[in-house]
């Protein structure tokens, strides 16, 4: 928070709209990704904001947005309560969130139970959008390297692009379709 206080971590869906940026932090696993990990990086890309203005060029694409977190990391592994629609998506929606971004998944190009639960939730909650990263196995697996749950039907799957002046080129590692 702007005053230096820490956001309250809770095992329930506690919401605090008085916080500047993070209004909900569900601590299912009290992960190690608190200041400089992958989830923190992605959250900053989406909604980061520097109140001092000294880091303006690094502000997120939706810098005015507030965020909810579901901490599911415990080192290299991901854990969450199932079904994901009930325990992960629904608390975000109840807190006022309408976009859920996820940079995690597995390497199996399949339609899993997580995909099924995600698609079912999005079918009945048409003002909620879920994004998943396409994965990082494109250079090893080629086509059909998008891993579950990025293989869900009602989501947006996001791949990585190259950080060059060449517009529209995929990064060598990003999961590829069709």
C-alpha atoms as a PDB file:
ATOM      1  CA  UNK A   1       0.000   0.000   0.000  1.00  0.00           C
ATOM      2  CA  UNK A   2       1.055   3.621  -0.438  1.00  0.00           C
ATOM      3  CA  UNK A   3       1.492   4.030   3.309  1.00  0.00           C
ATOM      4  CA  UNK A   4       3.940   1.108   3.427  1.00  0.00           C
ATOM      5  CA  UNK A   5       1.516  -1.296   5.105  1.00  0.00           C
ATOM      6  CA  UNK A   6       1.260  -4.848   3.825  1.00  0.00           C
ATOM      7  CA  UNK A   7      -1.871  -6.177   2.174  1.00  0.00           C
ATOM      8  CA  UNK A   8      -3.752  -8.514   4.485  1.00  0.00           C
ATOM      9  CA  UNK A   9      -3.425 -12.131   3.435  1.00  0.00           C
ATOM     10  CA  UNK A  10      -6.460 -14.243   4.173  1.00  0.00           C
ATOM     11  CA  UNK A  11      -7.529 -17.835   3.682  1.00  0.00           C
ATOM     12  CA  UNK A  12     -11.021 -16.553   2.915  1.00  0.00           C
ATOM     13  CA  UNK A  13     -12.277 -14.193   0.230  1.00  0.00           C
ATOM     14  CA  UNK A  14     -11.794 -11.086   2.382  1.00  0.00           C
ATOM     15  CA  UNK A  15     -12.027  -7.867   0.308  1.00  0.00           C
ATOM     16  CA  UNK A  16     -10.607  -4.498   1.354  1.00  0.00           C
ATOM     17  CA  UNK A  17     -11.529  -1.814  -1.178  1.00  0.00           C
ATOM     18  CA  UNK A  18      -9.607   0.813   0.816  1.00  0.00           C
ATOM     19  CA  UNK A  19      -6.292  -0.610  -0.421  1.00  0.00           C
ATOM     20  CA  UNK A  20      -4.661   1.314  -3.247  1.00  0.00           C
ATOM     21  CA  UNK A  21      -4.020  -1.634  -5.576  1.00  0.00           C
ATOM     22  CA  UNK A  22      -4.552  -5.123  -4.097  1.00  0.00           C
ATOM     23  CA  UNK A  23      -8.053  -5.486  -2.646  1.00  0.00           C
ATOM     24  CA  UNK A  24      -8.043  -9.257  -2.079  1.00  0.00           C
ATOM     25  CA  UNK A  25      -5.215 -11.691  -1.323  1.00  0.00           C
ATOM     26  CA  UNK A  26      -6.306 -15.295  -0.810  1.00  0.00           C
ATOM     27  CA  UNK A  27      -3.326 -17.140   0.621  1.00  0.00           C
ATOM     28  CA  UNK A  28      -4.029 -20.756  -0.269  1.00  0.00           C
ATOM     29  CA  UNK A  29      -0.272 -21.389  -0.425  1.00  0.00           C
ATOM     30  CA  UNK A  30       1.921 -18.700   1.034  1.00  0.00           C
ATOM     31  CA  UNK A  31       4.302 -18.710  -1.880  1.00  0.00           C
ATOM     32  CA  UNK A  32       7.746 -17.301  -2.353  1.00  0.00           C
ATOM     33  CA  UNK A  33       6.656 -15.036  -5.226  1.00  0.00           C
ATOM     34  CA  UNK A  34       6.108 -11.887  -3.176  1.00  0.00           C
ATOM     35  CA  UNK A  35       8.432  -9.262  -4.628  1.00  0.00           C
ATOM     36  CA  UNK A  36      10.133 -10.347  -7.820  1.00  0.00           C
ATOM     37  CA  UNK A  37       8.733 -13.614  -9.134  1.00  0.00           C
ATOM     38  CA  UNK A  38       6.860 -14.466 -12.308  1.00  0.00           C
ATOM     39  CA  UNK A  39       3.382 -13.755 -10.935  1.00  0.00           C
ATOM     40  CA  UNK A  40       4.552 -10.392  -9.623  1.00  0.00           C
ATOM     41  CA  UNK A  41       6.036  -9.561 -13.024  1.00  0.00           C
ATOM     42  CA  UNK A  42       2.820 -10.415 -14.875  1.00  0.00           C
ATOM     43  CA  UNK A  43       0.694  -8.482 -12.366  1.00  0.00           C
ATOM     44  CA  UNK A  44       2.921  -5.449 -12.926  1.00  0.00           C
ATOM     45  CA  UNK A  45       2.609  -5.788 -16.688  1.00  0.00           C
ATOM     46  CA  UNK A  46      -1.160  -5.822 -16.370  1.00  0.00           C
ATOM     47  CA  UNK A  47      -1.877  -3.280 -13.638  1.00  0.00           C
ATOM     48  CA  UNK A  48       1.353  -1.882 -12.236  1.00  0.00           C
ATOM     49  CA  UNK A  49       1.399   1.739 -11.151  1.00  0.00           C
ATOM     50  CA  UNK A  50       4.078   3.886  -9.542  1.00  0.00           C
ATOM     51  CA  UNK A  51       2.462   6.623  -7.466  1.00  0.00           C
ATOM     52  CA  UNK A  52       5.669   8.699  -7.560  1.00  0.00           C
ATOM     53  CA  UNK A  53       5.659   8.849 -11.369  1.00  0.00           C
ATOM     54  CA  UNK A  54       9.369   8.053 -11.583  1.00  0.00           C
ATOM     55  CA  UNK A  55       8.731   4.725 -13.320  1.00  0.00           C
ATOM     56  CA  UNK A  56       6.092   5.953 -15.789  1.00  0.00           C
ATOM     57  CA  UNK A  57       7.513   3.979 -18.710  1.00  0.00           C
ATOM     58  CA  UNK A  58       6.972   0.744 -16.758  1.00  0.00           C
ATOM     59  CA  UNK A  59       3.330   1.269 -15.806  1.00  0.00           C
ATOM     60  CA  UNK A  60       0.920  -1.543 -16.573  1.00  0.00           C
ATOM     61  CA  UNK A  61      -1.553  -1.572 -19.416  1.00  0.00           C
ATOM     62  CA  UNK A  62      -4.418  -1.139 -16.942  1.00  0.00           C
ATOM     63  CA  UNK A  63      -2.523   0.928 -14.392  1.00  0.00           C
ATOM     64  CA  UNK A  64      -5.677   2.246 -12.741  1.00  0.00           C
ATOM     65  CA  UNK A  65      -7.071  -1.224 -12.061  1.00  0.00           C
ATOM     66  CA  UNK A  66      -7.300  -2.871  -8.674  1.00  0.00           C
ATOM     67  CA  UNK A  67      -6.280  -6.509  -8.278  1.00  0.00           C
ATOM     68  CA  UNK A  68      -7.195  -9.675  -6.463  1.00  0.00           C
ATOM     69  CA  UNK A  69      -4.705 -12.486  -5.861  1.00  0.00           C
ATOM     70  CA  UNK A  70      -5.049 -16.195  -5.292  1.00  0.00           C
ATOM     71  CA  UNK A  71      -1.631 -17.333  -4.064  1.00  0.00           C
ATOM     72  CA  UNK A  72      -1.201 -20.867  -5.362  1.00  0.00           C
ATOM     73  CA  UNK A  73       2.568 -21.106  -5.551  1.00  0.00           C
ATOM     74  CA  UNK A  74       4.734 -23.120  -3.224  1.00  0.00           C
ATOM     75  CA  UNK A  75       8.127 -22.977  -4.873  1.00  0.00           C
ATOM     76  CA  UNK A  76       8.035 -24.592  -8.309  1.00  0.00           C
ATOM     77  CA  UNK A  77       4.587 -26.153  -7.885  1.00  0.00           C
ATOM     78  CA  UNK A  78       1.052 -24.811  -8.265  1.00  0.00           C
ATOM     79  CA  UNK A  79      -1.773 -25.748  -5.897  1.00  0.00           C
ATOM     80  CA  UNK A  80      -5.374 -24.565  -5.801  1.00  0.00           C
ATOM     81  CA  UNK A  81      -8.662 -25.738  -4.444  1.00  0.00           C
ATOM     82  CA  UNK A  82     -10.946 -27.488  -6.867  1.00  0.00           C
ATOM     83  CA  UNK A  83     -13.152 -26.887  -8.593  1.00  0.00           C
ATOM     84  CA  UNK A  84     -11.272 -23.820  -9.852  1.00  0.00           C
ATOM     85  CA  UNK A  85     -14.460 -21.999 -10.816  1.00  0.00           C
ATOM     86  CA  UNK A  86     -15.749 -22.087  -7.238  1.00  0.00           C
ATOM     87  CA  UNK A  87     -12.551 -21.373  -5.313  1.00  0.00           C
ATOM     88  CA  UNK A  88     -10.497 -19.199  -7.679  1.00  0.00           C
ATOM     89  CA  UNK A  89     -12.741 -17.443 -10.209  1.00  0.00           C
ATOM     90  CA  UNK A  90     -15.859 -16.853  -8.082  1.00  0.00           C
ATOM     91  CA  UNK A  91     -14.073 -14.913  -5.285  1.00  0.00           C
ATOM     92  CA  UNK A  92     -12.463 -12.634  -7.872  1.00  0.00           C
ATOM     93  CA  UNK A  93     -15.832 -12.011  -9.503  1.00  0.00           C
ATOM     94  CA  UNK A  94     -17.488 -11.384  -6.118  1.00  0.00           C
ATOM     95  CA  UNK A  95     -14.772  -8.792  -5.380  1.00  0.00           C
ATOM     96  CA  UNK A  96     -15.708  -6.965  -8.588  1.00  0.00           C
ATOM     97  CA  UNK A  97     -13.096  -8.500 -10.898  1.00  0.00           C
ATOM     98  CA  UNK A  98     -14.027  -9.211 -14.495  1.00  0.00           C
ATOM     99  CA  UNK A  99     -10.619 -10.235 -15.869  1.00  0.00           C
ATOM    100  CA  UNK A 100      -8.495 -13.116 -14.562  1.00  0.00           C
ATOM    101  CA  UNK A 101      -4.966 -13.517 -15.918  1.00  0.00           C
ATOM    102  CA  UNK A 102      -2.953 -16.685 -15.368  1.00  0.00           C
ATOM    103  CA  UNK A 103       0.616 -17.419 -16.412  1.00  0.00           C
ATOM    104  CA  UNK A 104       0.702 -21.023 -15.360  1.00  0.00           C
ATOM    105  CA  UNK A 105      -0.301 -24.368 -16.756  1.00  0.00           C
ATOM    106  CA  UNK A 106       1.114 -27.714 -17.720  1.00  0.00           C
ATOM    107  CA  UNK A 107       2.788 -29.097 -20.816  1.00  0.00           C
ATOM    108  CA  UNK A 108      -0.001 -31.485 -21.803  1.00  0.00           C
ATOM    109  CA  UNK A 109      -1.879 -30.453 -24.933  1.00  0.00           C
ATOM    110  CA  UNK A 110      -5.215 -31.785 -23.714  1.00  0.00           C
ATOM    111  CA  UNK A 111      -8.650 -30.718 -22.539  1.00  0.00           C
ATOM    112  CA  UNK A 112      -8.530 -31.226 -18.772  1.00  0.00           C
ATOM    113  CA  UNK A 113     -11.058 -30.975 -15.949  1.00  0.00           C
ATOM    114  CA  UNK A 114      -9.685 -27.476 -15.223  1.00  0.00           C
ATOM    115  CA  UNK A 115     -10.535 -26.538 -18.819  1.00  0.00           C
ATOM    116  CA  UNK A 116     -14.023 -27.972 -18.409  1.00  0.00           C
ATOM    117  CA  UNK A 117     -14.643 -26.104 -15.126  1.00  0.00           C
ATOM    118  CA  UNK A 118     -13.255 -22.863 -16.598  1.00  0.00           C
ATOM    119  CA  UNK A 119     -15.407 -23.127 -19.724  1.00  0.00           C
ATOM    120  CA  UNK A 120     -18.520 -23.885 -17.681  1.00  0.00           C
ATOM    121  CA  UNK A 121     -17.942 -20.869 -15.425  1.00  0.00           C
ATOM    122  CA  UNK A 122     -17.368 -18.546 -18.373  1.00  0.00           C
ATOM    123  CA  UNK A 123     -20.446 -19.845 -20.160  1.00  0.00           C
ATOM    124  CA  UNK A 124     -22.709 -18.722 -17.309  1.00  0.00           C
ATOM    125  CA  UNK A 125     -20.650 -15.650 -16.333  1.00  0.00           C
ATOM    126  CA  UNK A 126     -20.467 -13.831 -19.647  1.00  0.00           C
ATOM    127  CA  UNK A 127     -18.967 -10.606 -18.247  1.00  0.00           C
ATOM    128  CA  UNK A 128     -15.875 -12.404 -16.897  1.00  0.00           C
ATOM    129  CA  UNK A 129     -12.830 -13.173 -19.042  1.00  0.00           C
ATOM    130  CA  UNK A 130     -10.000 -15.591 -18.255  1.00  0.00           C
ATOM    131  CA  UNK A 131      -6.586 -15.408 -19.916  1.00  0.00           C
ATOM    132  CA  UNK A 132      -3.946 -18.144 -19.824  1.00  0.00           C
ATOM    133  CA  UNK A 133      -0.390 -18.167 -21.108  1.00  0.00           C
ATOM    134  CA  UNK A 134       0.125 -20.539 -24.035  1.00  0.00           C
ATOM    135  CA  UNK A 135       3.145 -22.138 -22.394  1.00  0.00           C
ATOM    136  CA  UNK A 136       6.891 -22.253 -22.988  1.00  0.00           C
ATOM    137  CA  UNK A 137       7.395 -25.452 -25.003  1.00  0.00           C
ATOM    138  CA  UNK A 138       7.158 -24.159 -28.561  1.00  0.00           C
ATOM    139  CA  UNK A 139      10.854 -24.634 -29.284  1.00  0.00           C
ATOM    140  CA  UNK A 140      10.781 -28.211 -27.970  1.00  0.00           C
ATOM    141  CA  UNK A 141       7.379 -29.408 -29.126  1.00  0.00           C
ATOM    142  CA  UNK A 142       6.415 -27.169 -32.078  1.00  0.00           C
ATOM    143  CA  UNK A 143       2.747 -27.201 -33.011  1.00  0.00           C
ATOM    144  CA  UNK A 144       0.324 -28.571 -30.428  1.00  0.00           C
ATOM    145  CA  UNK A 145       2.569 -27.275 -27.640  1.00  0.00           C
ATOM    146  CA  UNK A 146      -0.131 -25.185 -25.950  1.00  0.00           C
ATOM    147  CA  UNK A 147      -0.631 -26.753 -22.525  1.00  0.00           C
ATOM    148  CA  UNK A 148      -3.761 -27.128 -20.435  1.00  0.00           C
ATOM    149  CA  UNK A 149      -5.630 -25.050 -19.220  1.00  0.00           C
ATOM    150  CA  UNK A 150      -4.680 -22.709 -22.081  1.00  0.00           C
ATOM    151  CA  UNK A 151      -6.526 -25.250 -24.250  1.00  0.00           C
ATOM    152  CA  UNK A 152      -9.870 -24.193 -22.779  1.00  0.00           C
ATOM    153  CA  UNK A 153     -12.506 -23.118 -25.293  1.00  0.00           C
ATOM    154  CA  UNK A 154     -13.976 -19.952 -23.758  1.00  0.00           C
ATOM    155  CA  UNK A 155     -10.756 -18.172 -22.738  1.00  0.00           C
ATOM    156  CA  UNK A 156      -8.114 -16.046 -24.426  1.00  0.00           C
ATOM    157  CA  UNK A 157      -4.786 -17.831 -24.780  1.00  0.00           C
ATOM    158  CA  UNK A 158      -1.825 -15.468 -24.878  1.00  0.00           C
ATOM    159  CA  UNK A 159       1.469 -16.277 -26.569  1.00  0.00           C
ATOM    160  CA  UNK A 160       4.745 -14.384 -26.315  1.00  0.00           C
ATOM    161  CA  UNK A 161       6.127 -12.187 -29.062  1.00  0.00           C
ATOM    162  CA  UNK A 162       9.722 -11.292 -29.774  1.00  0.00           C
ATOM    163  CA  UNK A 163      11.131  -8.185 -28.160  1.00  0.00           C
ATOM    164  CA  UNK A 164      12.442  -6.721 -31.386  1.00  0.00           C
ATOM    165  CA  UNK A 165      11.279  -4.255 -33.969  1.00  0.00           C
ATOM    166  CA  UNK A 166       9.864  -7.185 -35.960  1.00  0.00           C
ATOM    167  CA  UNK A 167       6.134  -6.904 -35.376  1.00  0.00           C
ATOM    168  CA  UNK A 168       4.107 -10.074 -35.217  1.00  0.00           C
ATOM    169  CA  UNK A 169       6.863 -12.629 -34.713  1.00  0.00           C
ATOM    170  CA  UNK A 170       6.349 -15.304 -32.086  1.00  0.00           C
ATOM    171  CA  UNK A 171       9.004 -15.822 -29.452  1.00  0.00           C
ATOM    172  CA  UNK A 172      10.845 -19.085 -30.116  1.00  0.00           C
ATOM    173  CA  UNK A 173       9.652 -20.650 -26.850  1.00  0.00           C
ATOM    174  CA  UNK A 174       5.963 -19.731 -26.846  1.00  0.00           C
ATOM    175  CA  UNK A 175       3.395 -22.516 -27.075  1.00  0.00           C
ATOM    176  CA  UNK A 176       1.997 -22.854 -30.588  1.00  0.00           C
ATOM    177  CA  UNK A 177      -1.425 -23.973 -31.837  1.00  0.00           C
ATOM    178  CA  UNK A 178      -3.173 -24.695 -34.013  1.00  0.00           C
END
